[in-house]
Amino acid sequence: MVADHLARCAACRAWQRQLVHLERLVPEIAVPPSTAKADCLHAVLHSEAYSRSGEREVQWRRRERAIRKVAVTFAMAAGLLFFALVWYGLKHQGDGQDFGDRHPAVTRLTLDHVLSRFGDGSPLPPEPSKGIQRLVVVARRLHAETEERVKDGTVSDVEFLARHFEVLVQHGILPLARNVPAEERPDVLAGIADQLSRTESLANQLSKQRADVANPLQFMAKVAEKGHLELRKLARGEA
């Protein structure tokens, strides 16, 4: 059964979500004014194939001809819909800048969720310097698992990891970094900024190797870039 397969296969579920998304966007596609469709329908429905000149049609033949007309009309409409879906998909394929818009850091996903999934189960230390070091360990795990999932080709898992990485940086590492005492920032934050810079570089490299997961990887790279730039400013006392 299709439903059973979708329940087990993350890749097929991702394709199903994309198809549903495309179908919902069909009404937004602008259709230029044209009489071609009307002319085509008129030519088909009034061709000799549907006329019996010289014969007197009986009722069942007239009914059969009407059914054929309806079938042709629906077939043409289905073909136009399929063409519109394919056109829209090709037009938006490879647009790597919209992952953040399509998948913002949703309110349901919190730092606690990220820590429960990738942390060691212990609470964060109250001291900002120690707490941020704990989050750096979590960031390394996310980094390593992302690289592994890219090699395995699990697209939905890469998107999942990219969203978790954003929450970790935006709602964990950066807020704690702002609370680190000014005198400790150069020693504490410089190394973390270097790690995020390496994450940015690796994510960009992987996105060039695997076009099918380029969108979430480029998004992860942007998050890492924003993070390491702000950390460097904090370490220099500029923020």
Protein backbone atom coordinates (compact mmCIF):
# COMPACT_ATOMS: atom_id res chain seq x y z
CA MET A 1 0.00 0.00 0.00
CA VAL A 2 1.16 3.55 -0.76
CA ALA A 3 0.29 4.77 2.74
CA ASP A 4 2.39 2.03 4.34
CA HIS A 5 5.36 2.88 2.13
CA LEU A 6 5.09 6.60 2.92
CA ALA A 7 5.03 5.80 6.63
CA ARG A 8 8.39 4.07 6.29
CA CYS A 9 10.15 6.11 3.59
CA ALA A 10 11.27 9.63 4.53
CA ALA A 11 12.46 10.41 0.98
CA CYS A 12 9.06 9.61 -0.54
CA ARG A 13 7.34 11.68 2.14
CA ALA A 14 9.54 14.62 1.18
CA TRP A 15 8.55 14.19 -2.49
CA GLN A 16 4.87 13.97 -1.51
CA ARG A 17 5.15 17.24 0.44
CA GLN A 18 6.77 18.94 -2.56
CA LEU A 19 4.01 17.71 -4.90
CA VAL A 20 1.28 18.90 -2.52
CA HIS A 21 3.06 22.25 -2.23
CA LEU A 22 3.21 22.56 -6.03
CA GLU A 23 -0.45 21.63 -6.38
CA ARG A 24 -1.48 24.34 -3.92
CA LEU A 25 0.51 26.93 -5.87
CA VAL A 26 -1.11 26.13 -9.23
CA PRO A 27 -3.91 28.73 -8.79
CA GLU A 28 -1.22 31.42 -8.36
CA ILE A 29 0.30 30.78 -11.79
CA ALA A 30 -0.48 33.62 -14.18
CA VAL A 31 -2.09 32.40 -17.41
CA PRO A 32 -1.65 34.74 -20.41
CA PRO A 33 -4.79 35.46 -22.43
CA SER A 34 -5.12 33.11 -25.39
CA THR A 35 -7.81 31.68 -27.64
CA ALA A 36 -5.68 28.68 -28.58
CA LYS A 37 -7.36 26.34 -26.10
CA ALA A 38 -10.86 27.35 -27.23
CA ASP A 39 -9.89 26.97 -30.88
CA CYS A 40 -8.36 23.57 -30.22
CA LEU A 41 -11.40 22.35 -28.31
CA HIS A 42 -13.71 23.59 -31.07
CA ALA A 43 -11.64 21.84 -33.73
CA VAL A 44 -11.58 18.56 -31.80
CA LEU A 45 -15.21 18.50 -30.72
CA HIS A 46 -16.52 19.45 -34.15
CA SER A 47 -14.26 17.26 -36.23
CA GLU A 48 -15.51 14.51 -38.52
CA ALA A 49 -14.64 11.93 -35.87
CA TYR A 50 -17.70 13.05 -33.90
CA SER A 51 -20.06 13.61 -36.82
CA ARG A 52 -21.99 11.05 -38.85
CA SER A 53 -23.01 12.92 -41.96
CA GLY A 54 -25.57 11.11 -44.03
CA GLU A 55 -26.69 8.92 -41.11
CA ARG A 56 -29.43 9.45 -38.64
CA GLU A 57 -28.08 9.14 -35.14
CA VAL A 58 -29.86 6.94 -32.68
CA GLN A 59 -30.11 8.05 -29.06
CA TRP A 60 -27.42 5.77 -27.65
CA ARG A 61 -24.92 6.98 -30.26
CA ARG A 62 -25.67 10.59 -29.42
CA ARG A 63 -25.14 9.85 -25.74
CA GLU A 64 -21.89 8.01 -26.48
CA ARG A 65 -20.61 10.95 -28.54
CA ALA A 66 -21.38 13.35 -25.66
CA ILE A 67 -19.49 11.13 -23.22
CA ARG A 68 -16.48 11.08 -25.55
CA LYS A 69 -16.54 14.88 -25.72
CA VAL A 70 -16.54 15.14 -21.93
CA ALA A 71 -13.69 12.63 -21.71
CA VAL A 72 -11.60 14.58 -24.21
CA THR A 73 -12.25 17.82 -22.32
CA PHE A 74 -11.17 16.33 -18.99
CA ALA A 75 -8.09 14.74 -20.57
CA MET A 76 -7.00 18.07 -22.00
CA ALA A 77 -7.60 19.82 -18.67
CA ALA A 78 -5.52 17.18 -16.87
CA GLY A 79 -2.74 17.64 -19.41
CA LEU A 80 -2.74 21.39 -18.88
CA LEU A 81 -2.59 20.94 -15.11
CA PHE A 82 0.32 18.51 -15.42
CA PHE A 83 2.18 20.95 -17.69
CA ALA A 84 1.60 23.77 -15.20
CA LEU A 85 2.95 21.68 -12.32
CA VAL A 86 6.06 20.66 -14.26
CA TRP A 87 6.66 24.24 -15.41
CA TYR A 88 6.35 25.61 -11.90
CA GLY A 89 8.65 22.95 -10.48
CA LEU A 90 11.34 23.58 -13.11
CA LYS A 91 11.07 27.33 -12.61
CA HIS A 92 11.72 27.05 -8.87
CA GLN A 93 14.18 24.16 -8.98
CA GLY A 94 17.60 24.97 -7.56
CA ASP A 95 16.55 28.17 -5.84
CA GLY A 96 18.86 27.77 -2.85
CA GLN A 97 17.99 31.04 -1.14
CA ASP A 98 14.43 30.26 -0.05
CA PHE A 99 15.04 27.47 2.46
CA GLY A 100 14.97 29.90 5.38
CA ASP A 101 11.70 31.38 4.11
CA ARG A 102 10.12 27.97 3.61
CA HIS A 103 11.47 26.57 6.87
CA PRO A 104 11.85 29.33 9.46
CA ALA A 105 12.85 28.48 13.01
CA VAL A 106 9.36 27.46 14.05
CA THR A 107 8.23 28.19 17.58
CA ARG A 108 7.58 24.49 18.23
CA LEU A 109 11.32 23.79 17.96
CA THR A 110 13.16 25.08 21.03
CA LEU A 111 16.67 24.86 22.40
CA ASP A 112 15.44 22.21 24.86
CA HIS A 113 14.35 20.05 21.92
CA VAL A 114 17.78 20.38 20.34
CA LEU A 115 19.57 19.53 23.59
CA SER A 116 17.32 16.54 24.29
CA ARG A 117 18.08 15.19 20.80
CA PHE A 118 21.82 15.94 20.57
CA GLY A 119 22.92 16.75 24.13
CA ASP A 120 24.08 14.44 26.92
CA GLY A 121 20.93 14.83 29.01
CA SER A 122 22.44 17.05 31.70
CA PRO A 123 21.27 20.65 32.30
CA LEU A 124 23.37 23.57 31.11
CA PRO A 125 25.71 25.10 33.71
CA PRO A 126 24.50 28.47 35.01
CA GLU A 127 27.79 30.18 34.10
CA PRO A 128 27.57 31.53 30.50
CA SER A 129 31.19 30.56 29.73
CA LYS A 130 30.63 26.94 30.73
CA GLY A 131 27.16 26.77 29.19
CA ILE A 132 28.38 27.95 25.81
CA GLN A 133 31.16 25.35 25.85
CA ARG A 134 28.50 22.68 26.34
CA LEU A 135 26.57 24.03 23.36
CA VAL A 136 29.73 23.92 21.25
CA VAL A 137 29.91 20.17 21.86
CA VAL A 138 26.31 19.87 20.61
CA ALA A 139 27.22 21.95 17.55
CA ARG A 140 30.06 19.51 16.76
CA ARG A 141 27.63 16.60 16.93
CA LEU A 142 25.22 18.36 14.59
CA HIS A 143 28.12 19.16 12.27
CA ALA A 144 29.30 15.52 12.17
CA GLU A 145 25.81 14.08 11.72
CA THR A 146 25.04 16.53 8.91
CA GLU A 147 28.16 15.42 7.03
CA GLU A 148 27.18 11.79 7.54
CA ARG A 149 23.60 12.32 6.33
CA VAL A 150 24.84 14.16 3.22
CA LYS A 151 26.97 11.15 2.33
CA ASP A 152 24.01 8.82 2.94
CA GLY A 153 21.78 10.96 0.72
CA THR A 154 18.95 11.42 3.25
CA VAL A 155 17.57 14.80 2.14
CA SER A 156 14.86 15.13 4.78
CA ASP A 157 17.40 14.47 7.55
CA VAL A 158 19.66 17.26 6.26
CA GLU A 159 16.74 19.70 6.39
CA PHE A 160 15.93 18.49 9.93
CA LEU A 161 19.54 19.05 11.04
CA ALA A 162 19.71 22.50 9.42
CA ARG A 163 16.68 23.70 11.39
CA HIS A 164 18.14 22.30 14.64
CA PHE A 165 21.45 24.00 13.91
CA GLU A 166 19.71 27.36 13.45
CA VAL A 167 17.94 27.07 16.80
CA LEU A 168 21.18 26.03 18.52
CA VAL A 169 23.06 29.07 17.20
CA GLN A 170 20.30 31.70 17.33
CA HIS A 171 18.69 30.69 20.64
CA GLY A 172 21.63 29.06 22.41
CA ILE A 173 25.17 30.03 21.45
CA LEU A 174 24.65 33.71 20.61
CA PRO A 175 22.47 34.61 23.64
CA LEU A 176 24.97 32.95 26.00
CA ALA A 177 27.89 34.65 24.24
CA ARG A 178 26.34 38.05 24.94
CA ASN A 179 26.27 37.18 28.66
CA VAL A 180 29.90 36.09 28.86
CA PRO A 181 31.86 38.65 30.93
CA ALA A 182 33.76 41.09 28.73
CA GLU A 183 37.13 40.10 30.17
CA GLU A 184 36.52 36.41 29.29
CA ARG A 185 35.19 36.92 25.76
CA PRO A 186 38.49 36.93 23.81
CA ASP A 187 39.54 33.56 25.25
CA VAL A 188 36.08 31.94 25.22
CA LEU A 189 34.55 33.17 21.97
CA ALA A 190 37.46 33.20 19.50
CA GLY A 191 37.67 29.40 19.28
CA ILE A 192 33.89 29.05 18.93
CA ALA A 193 33.89 31.60 16.11
CA ASP A 194 36.58 29.56 14.34
CA GLN A 195 34.46 26.42 14.64
CA LEU A 196 31.40 28.13 13.16
CA SER A 197 33.57 29.47 10.35
CA ARG A 198 34.70 25.90 9.55
CA THR A 199 31.07 24.78 9.60
CA GLU A 200 30.20 27.52 7.10
CA SER A 201 33.03 26.47 4.79
CA LEU A 202 32.18 22.76 4.93
CA ALA A 203 28.46 23.34 4.36
CA ASN A 204 29.19 25.45 1.29
CA GLN A 205 31.55 22.79 -0.07
CA LEU A 206 29.02 20.01 0.45
CA SER A 207 26.28 22.06 -1.20
CA LYS A 208 28.35 22.19 -4.40
CA GLN A 209 28.86 18.42 -4.36
CA ARG A 210 25.23 17.51 -3.73
CA ALA A 211 22.72 19.71 -5.55
CA ASP A 212 19.73 17.84 -4.10
CA VAL A 213 20.58 18.98 -0.55
CA ALA A 214 22.10 22.35 -1.50
CA ASN A 215 19.24 24.42 -0.08
CA PRO A 216 19.47 23.32 3.59
CA LEU A 217 23.27 23.23 3.44
CA GLN A 218 23.46 26.80 2.13
CA PHE A 219 21.01 27.84 4.84
CA MET A 220 23.20 26.18 7.48
CA ALA A 221 26.22 27.99 6.05
CA LYS A 222 24.43 31.35 6.36
CA VAL A 223 23.50 30.62 9.99
CA ALA A 224 27.13 29.68 10.76
CA GLU A 225 28.39 32.81 8.98
CA LYS A 226 26.10 35.10 10.96
CA GLY A 227 27.12 33.34 14.17
CA HIS A 228 30.89 33.54 13.74
CA LEU A 229 30.76 37.18 12.62
CA GLU A 230 28.83 38.21 15.73
CA LEU A 231 31.11 36.16 17.99
CA ARG A 232 34.17 37.88 16.57
CA LYS A 233 32.62 41.30 17.23
CA LEU A 234 31.85 40.28 20.80
CA ALA A 235 35.40 38.96 21.28
CA ARG A 236 36.80 42.29 20.05
CA GLY A 237 34.45 44.27 22.27
CA GLU A 238 32.60 45.78 19.30
CA ALA A 239 29.13 44.56 20.30
